[in-house]
């Protein structure tokens, strides 16, 4: 992913169509959650934590099935 940032806008250039779809959905979700009062920093940390948990869950399931 390529990220371009200025004072008012962050532009993400996705590396695949799946990544593009995920990023679009993620940005929409984050915008909606910011409207509910959470800061961008809080949301970024929560998203990173949840993503890590999901990766670990998937990795654990794959290990158990092999």
PDB file of N, CA and C in Angstrom:
ATOM      1  N   UNK A   1       0.843  -1.173   0.000  1.00  0.00           N
ATOM      2  CA  UNK A   1       0.000   0.000   0.000  1.00  0.00           C
ATOM      3  C   UNK A   1       0.884   1.230   0.000  1.00  0.00           C
ATOM      4  N   UNK A   2       0.526   2.175  -0.799  1.00  0.00           N
ATOM      5  CA  UNK A   2       1.196   3.464  -0.816  1.00  0.00           C
ATOM      6  C   UNK A   2       0.312   4.459  -0.078  1.00  0.00           C
ATOM      7  N   UNK A   3       0.897   5.212   0.816  1.00  0.00           N
ATOM      8  CA  UNK A   3       0.150   6.200   1.582  1.00  0.00           C
ATOM      9  C   UNK A   3       0.698   7.585   1.289  1.00  0.00           C
ATOM     10  N   UNK A   4      -0.180   8.497   0.927  1.00  0.00           N
ATOM     11  CA  UNK A   4       0.172   9.888   0.727  1.00  0.00           C
ATOM     12  C   UNK A   4      -0.631  10.701   1.732  1.00  0.00           C
ATOM     13  N   UNK A   5       0.028  11.591   2.450  1.00  0.00           N
ATOM     14  CA  UNK A   5      -0.661  12.316   3.515  1.00  0.00           C
ATOM     15  C   UNK A   5      -0.325  13.800   3.441  1.00  0.00           C
ATOM     16  N   UNK A   6      -1.352  14.624   3.532  1.00  0.00           N
ATOM     17  CA  UNK A   6      -1.136  16.050   3.744  1.00  0.00           C
ATOM     18  C   UNK A   6      -1.937  16.429   4.989  1.00  0.00           C
ATOM     19  N   UNK A   7      -2.114  17.701   5.260  1.00  0.00           N
ATOM     20  CA  UNK A   7      -2.770  18.124   6.497  1.00  0.00           C
ATOM     21  C   UNK A   7      -4.222  17.672   6.603  1.00  0.00           C
ATOM     22  N   UNK A   8      -4.915  17.562   5.490  1.00  0.00           N
ATOM     23  CA  UNK A   8      -6.349  17.302   5.551  1.00  0.00           C
ATOM     24  C   UNK A   8      -6.778  15.975   4.936  1.00  0.00           C
ATOM     25  N   UNK A   9      -5.891  15.272   4.266  1.00  0.00           N
ATOM     26  CA  UNK A   9      -6.321  14.079   3.548  1.00  0.00           C
ATOM     27  C   UNK A   9      -5.226  13.026   3.534  1.00  0.00           C
ATOM     28  N   UNK A  10      -5.632  11.782   3.701  1.00  0.00           N
ATOM     29  CA  UNK A  10      -4.725  10.648   3.558  1.00  0.00           C
ATOM     30  C   UNK A  10      -5.220   9.844   2.366  1.00  0.00           C
ATOM     31  N   UNK A  11      -4.358   9.606   1.413  1.00  0.00           N
ATOM     32  CA  UNK A  11      -4.725   8.839   0.235  1.00  0.00           C
ATOM     33  C   UNK A  11      -4.030   7.486   0.297  1.00  0.00           C
ATOM     34  N   UNK A  12      -4.817   6.428   0.194  1.00  0.00           N
ATOM     35  CA  UNK A  12      -4.279   5.079   0.211  1.00  0.00           C
ATOM     36  C   UNK A  12      -4.382   4.480  -1.183  1.00  0.00           C
ATOM     37  N   UNK A  13      -3.299   3.913  -1.662  1.00  0.00           N
ATOM     38  CA  UNK A  13      -3.304   3.222  -2.937  1.00  0.00           C
ATOM     39  C   UNK A  13      -3.163   1.731  -2.653  1.00  0.00           C
ATOM     40  N   UNK A  14      -4.254   0.968  -2.741  1.00  0.00           N
ATOM     41  CA  UNK A  14      -4.212  -0.435  -2.374  1.00  0.00           C
ATOM     42  C   UNK A  14      -3.426  -1.282  -3.361  1.00  0.00           C
ATOM     43  N   UNK A  15      -2.984  -2.449  -2.876  1.00  0.00           N
ATOM     44  CA  UNK A  15      -2.161  -3.313  -3.701  1.00  0.00           C
ATOM     45  C   UNK A  15      -2.954  -4.433  -4.361  1.00  0.00           C
ATOM     46  N   UNK A  16      -4.201  -4.638  -3.975  1.00  0.00           N
ATOM     47  CA  UNK A  16      -5.032  -5.658  -4.603  1.00  0.00           C
ATOM     48  C   UNK A  16      -6.489  -5.242  -4.494  1.00  0.00           C
ATOM     49  N   UNK A  17      -7.349  -5.903  -5.271  1.00  0.00           N
ATOM     50  CA  UNK A  17      -8.766  -5.549  -5.199  1.00  0.00           C
ATOM     51  C   UNK A  17      -9.357  -5.925  -3.843  1.00  0.00           C
ATOM     52  N   UNK A  18      -8.886  -7.021  -3.240  1.00  0.00           N
ATOM     53  CA  UNK A  18      -9.349  -7.394  -1.897  1.00  0.00           C
ATOM     54  C   UNK A  18      -8.928  -6.318  -0.900  1.00  0.00           C
ATOM     55  N   UNK A  19      -7.671  -5.932  -0.973  1.00  0.00           N
ATOM     56  CA  UNK A  19      -7.154  -4.895  -0.067  1.00  0.00           C
ATOM     57  C   UNK A  19      -7.928  -3.599  -0.261  1.00  0.00           C
ATOM     58  N   UNK A  20      -8.225  -3.269  -1.500  1.00  0.00           N
ATOM     59  CA  UNK A  20      -8.985  -2.047  -1.798  1.00  0.00           C
ATOM     60  C   UNK A  20     -10.355  -2.100  -1.137  1.00  0.00           C
ATOM     61  N   UNK A  21     -11.041  -3.216  -1.273  1.00  0.00           N
ATOM     62  CA  UNK A  21     -12.370  -3.359  -0.678  1.00  0.00           C
ATOM     63  C   UNK A  21     -12.300  -3.254   0.842  1.00  0.00           C
ATOM     64  N   UNK A  22     -11.282  -3.870   1.437  1.00  0.00           N
ATOM     65  CA  UNK A  22     -11.112  -3.816   2.892  1.00  0.00           C
ATOM     66  C   UNK A  22     -10.837  -2.383   3.336  1.00  0.00           C
ATOM     67  N   UNK A  23      -9.963  -1.695   2.633  1.00  0.00           N
ATOM     68  CA  UNK A  23      -9.621  -0.320   3.015  1.00  0.00           C
ATOM     69  C   UNK A  23     -10.809   0.621   2.882  1.00  0.00           C
ATOM     70  N   UNK A  24     -11.595   0.457   1.837  1.00  0.00           N
ATOM     71  CA  UNK A  24     -12.781   1.301   1.666  1.00  0.00           C
ATOM     72  C   UNK A  24     -13.755   1.069   2.818  1.00  0.00           C
ATOM     73  N   UNK A  25     -14.010  -0.197   3.134  1.00  0.00           N
ATOM     74  CA  UNK A  25     -14.918  -0.524   4.237  1.00  0.00           C
ATOM     75  C   UNK A  25     -14.368  -0.017   5.567  1.00  0.00           C
ATOM     76  N   UNK A  26     -13.061  -0.150   5.750  1.00  0.00           N
ATOM     77  CA  UNK A  26     -12.425   0.282   6.990  1.00  0.00           C
ATOM     78  C   UNK A  26     -12.551   1.799   7.161  1.00  0.00           C
ATOM     79  N   UNK A  27     -12.283   2.543   6.123  1.00  0.00           N
ATOM     80  CA  UNK A  27     -12.367   4.004   6.208  1.00  0.00           C
ATOM     81  C   UNK A  27     -13.805   4.432   6.498  1.00  0.00           C
ATOM     82  N   UNK A  28     -14.774   3.797   5.832  1.00  0.00           N
ATOM     83  CA  UNK A  28     -16.177   4.122   6.097  1.00  0.00           C
ATOM     84  C   UNK A  28     -16.525   3.844   7.558  1.00  0.00           C
ATOM     85  N   UNK A  29     -16.070   2.694   8.070  1.00  0.00           N
ATOM     86  CA  UNK A  29     -16.330   2.332   9.456  1.00  0.00           C
ATOM     87  C   UNK A  29     -15.688   3.344  10.406  1.00  0.00           C
ATOM     88  N   UNK A  30     -14.445   3.717  10.143  1.00  0.00           N
ATOM     89  CA  UNK A  30     -13.737   4.650  11.016  1.00  0.00           C
ATOM     90  C   UNK A  30     -14.386   6.029  11.018  1.00  0.00           C
ATOM     91  N   UNK A  31     -14.823   6.487   9.869  1.00  0.00           N
ATOM     92  CA  UNK A  31     -15.514   7.781   9.791  1.00  0.00           C
ATOM     93  C   UNK A  31     -16.783   7.741  10.639  1.00  0.00           C
ATOM     94  N   UNK A  32     -17.556   6.656  10.510  1.00  0.00           N
ATOM     95  CA  UNK A  32     -18.787   6.525  11.300  1.00  0.00           C
ATOM     96  C   UNK A  32     -18.492   6.463  12.794  1.00  0.00           C
ATOM     97  N   UNK A  33     -17.442   5.759  13.179  1.00  0.00           N
ATOM     98  CA  UNK A  33     -17.098   5.659  14.599  1.00  0.00           C
ATOM     99  C   UNK A  33     -16.566   6.984  15.151  1.00  0.00           C
ATOM    100  N   UNK A  34     -15.856   7.750  14.333  1.00  0.00           N
ATOM    101  CA  UNK A  34     -15.398   9.068  14.784  1.00  0.00           C
ATOM    102  C   UNK A  34     -16.588   9.984  15.043  1.00  0.00           C
ATOM    103  N   UNK A  35     -17.638   9.834  14.259  1.00  0.00           N
ATOM    104  CA  UNK A  35     -18.851  10.629  14.480  1.00  0.00           C
ATOM    105  C   UNK A  35     -19.497  10.295  15.817  1.00  0.00           C
ATOM    106  N   UNK A  36     -19.199   9.103  16.360  1.00  0.00           N
ATOM    107  CA  UNK A  36     -19.742   8.679  17.652  1.00  0.00           C
ATOM    108  C   UNK A  36     -18.848   9.107  18.808  1.00  0.00           C
ATOM    109  N   UNK A  37     -17.727   9.788  18.487  1.00  0.00           N
ATOM    110  CA  UNK A  37     -16.928  10.390  19.543  1.00  0.00           C
ATOM    111  C   UNK A  37     -15.547   9.820  19.786  1.00  0.00           C
ATOM    112  N   UNK A  38     -15.199   8.725  19.142  1.00  0.00           N
ATOM    113  CA  UNK A  38     -13.861   8.169  19.363  1.00  0.00           C
ATOM    114  C   UNK A  38     -12.841   8.877  18.489  1.00  0.00           C
ATOM    115  N   UNK A  39     -11.639   9.020  19.005  1.00  0.00           N
ATOM    116  CA  UNK A  39     -10.576   9.689  18.248  1.00  0.00           C
ATOM    117  C   UNK A  39      -9.965   8.719  17.240  1.00  0.00           C
ATOM    118  N   UNK A  40      -9.305   9.282  16.247  1.00  0.00           N
ATOM    119  CA  UNK A  40      -8.635   8.462  15.236  1.00  0.00           C
ATOM    120  C   UNK A  40      -7.590   7.557  15.878  1.00  0.00           C
ATOM    121  N   UNK A  41      -6.880   8.072  16.886  1.00  0.00           N
ATOM    122  CA  UNK A  41      -5.849   7.269  17.559  1.00  0.00           C
ATOM    123  C   UNK A  41      -6.467   6.085  18.297  1.00  0.00           C
ATOM    124  N   UNK A  42      -7.571   6.319  19.022  1.00  0.00           N
ATOM    125  CA  UNK A  42      -8.257   5.223  19.727  1.00  0.00           C
ATOM    126  C   UNK A  42      -8.715   4.158  18.746  1.00  0.00           C
ATOM    127  N   UNK A  43      -9.284   4.605  17.645  1.00  0.00           N
ATOM    128  CA  UNK A  43      -9.803   3.673  16.650  1.00  0.00           C
ATOM    129  C   UNK A  43      -8.684   2.894  15.970  1.00  0.00           C
ATOM    130  N   UNK A  44      -7.588   3.558  15.670  1.00  0.00           N
ATOM    131  CA  UNK A  44      -6.460   2.871  15.030  1.00  0.00           C
ATOM    132  C   UNK A  44      -5.910   1.777  15.934  1.00  0.00           C
ATOM    133  N   UNK A  45      -5.777   2.078  17.219  1.00  0.00           N
ATOM    134  CA  UNK A  45      -5.293   1.069  18.170  1.00  0.00           C
ATOM    135  C   UNK A  45      -6.272  -0.088  18.308  1.00  0.00           C
ATOM    136  N   UNK A  46      -7.551   0.216  18.413  1.00  0.00           N
ATOM    137  CA  UNK A  46      -8.561  -0.834  18.544  1.00  0.00           C
ATOM    138  C   UNK A  46      -8.594  -1.712  17.300  1.00  0.00           C
ATOM    139  N   UNK A  47      -8.482  -1.087  16.137  1.00  0.00           N
ATOM    140  CA  UNK A  47      -8.478  -1.841  14.883  1.00  0.00           C
ATOM    141  C   UNK A  47      -7.244  -2.730  14.785  1.00  0.00           C
ATOM    142  N   UNK A  48      -6.103  -2.207  15.170  1.00  0.00           N
ATOM    143  CA  UNK A  48      -4.870  -3.002  15.144  1.00  0.00           C
ATOM    144  C   UNK A  48      -4.969  -4.186  16.100  1.00  0.00           C
ATOM    145  N   UNK A  49      -5.490  -3.955  17.301  1.00  0.00           N
ATOM    146  CA  UNK A  49      -5.649  -5.039  18.277  1.00  0.00           C
ATOM    147  C   UNK A  49      -6.606  -6.111  17.761  1.00  0.00           C
ATOM    148  N   UNK A  50      -7.740  -5.679  17.225  1.00  0.00           N
ATOM    149  CA  UNK A  50      -8.722  -6.634  16.714  1.00  0.00           C
ATOM    150  C   UNK A  50      -8.162  -7.412  15.522  1.00  0.00           C
ATOM    151  N   UNK A  51      -7.415  -6.735  14.668  1.00  0.00           N
ATOM    152  CA  UNK A  51      -6.801  -7.406  13.517  1.00  0.00           C
ATOM    153  C   UNK A  51      -5.795  -8.451  13.962  1.00  0.00           C
ATOM    154  N   UNK A  52      -4.985  -8.099  14.949  1.00  0.00           N
ATOM    155  CA  UNK A  52      -4.003  -9.050  15.471  1.00  0.00           C
ATOM    156  C   UNK A  52      -4.698 -10.264  16.083  1.00  0.00           C
ATOM    157  N   UNK A  53      -5.766 -10.026  16.834  1.00  0.00           N
ATOM    158  CA  UNK A  53      -6.520 -11.137  17.424  1.00  0.00           C
ATOM    159  C   UNK A  53      -7.065 -12.068  16.346  1.00  0.00           C
ATOM    160  N   UNK A  54      -7.581 -11.494  15.273  1.00  0.00           N
ATOM    161  CA  UNK A  54      -8.122 -12.303  14.186  1.00  0.00           C
ATOM    162  C   UNK A  54      -7.029 -13.116  13.502  1.00  0.00           C
ATOM    163  N   UNK A  55      -5.887 -12.498  13.255  1.00  0.00           N
ATOM    164  CA  UNK A  55      -4.762 -13.216  12.645  1.00  0.00           C
ATOM    165  C   UNK A  55      -4.337 -14.381  13.529  1.00  0.00           C
ATOM    166  N   UNK A  56      -4.254 -14.150  14.822  1.00  0.00           N
ATOM    167  CA  UNK A  56      -3.856 -15.219  15.744  1.00  0.00           C
ATOM    168  C   UNK A  56      -4.900 -16.333  15.779  1.00  0.00           C
ATOM    169  N   UNK A  57      -6.168 -15.986  15.745  1.00  0.00           N
ATOM    170  CA  UNK A  57      -7.227 -16.984  15.729  1.00  0.00           C
ATOM    171  C   UNK A  57      -7.141 -17.836  14.466  1.00  0.00           C
ATOM    172  N   UNK A  58      -6.952 -17.195  13.329  1.00  0.00           N
ATOM    173  CA  UNK A  58      -6.835 -17.923  12.066  1.00  0.00           C
ATOM    174  C   UNK A  58      -5.608 -18.821  12.086  1.00  0.00           C
ATOM    175  N   UNK A  59      -4.491 -18.309  12.563  1.00  0.00           N
ATOM    176  CA  UNK A  59      -3.257 -19.101  12.628  1.00  0.00           C
ATOM    177  C   UNK A  59      -3.437 -20.305  13.538  1.00  0.00           C
ATOM    178  N   UNK A  60      -4.096 -20.115  14.655  1.00  0.00           N
ATOM    179  CA  UNK A  60      -4.323 -21.210  15.599  1.00  0.00           C
ATOM    180  C   UNK A  60      -5.226 -22.272  14.990  1.00  0.00           C
ATOM    181  N   UNK A  61      -6.270 -21.852  14.327  1.00  0.00           N
ATOM    182  CA  UNK A  61      -7.179 -22.813  13.693  1.00  0.00           C
ATOM    183  C   UNK A  61      -6.461 -23.608  12.619  1.00  0.00           C
ATOM    184  N   UNK A  62      -5.623 -22.951  11.822  1.00  0.00           N
ATOM    185  CA  UNK A  62      -4.898 -23.653  10.764  1.00  0.00           C
ATOM    186  C   UNK A  62      -3.935 -24.664  11.358  1.00  0.00           C
ATOM    187  N   UNK A  63      -3.282 -24.307  12.452  1.00  0.00           N
ATOM    188  CA  UNK A  63      -2.352 -25.233  13.079  1.00  0.00           C
ATOM    189  C   UNK A  63      -3.076 -26.461  13.613  1.00  0.00           C
ATOM    190  N   UNK A  64      -4.245 -26.279  14.167  1.00  0.00           N
ATOM    191  CA  UNK A  64      -4.995 -27.397  14.735  1.00  0.00           C
ATOM    192  C   UNK A  64      -5.525 -28.340  13.665  1.00  0.00           C
ATOM    193  N   UNK A  65      -5.830 -27.842  12.481  1.00  0.00           N
ATOM    194  CA  UNK A  65      -6.404 -28.696  11.448  1.00  0.00           C
ATOM    195  C   UNK A  65      -5.353 -29.491  10.694  1.00  0.00           C
ATOM    196  N   UNK A  66      -4.102 -29.129  10.792  1.00  0.00           N
ATOM    197  CA  UNK A  66      -3.053 -29.854  10.064  1.00  0.00           C
ATOM    198  C   UNK A  66      -2.550 -30.961  10.852  1.00  0.00           C
TER     199      UNK A  66
END
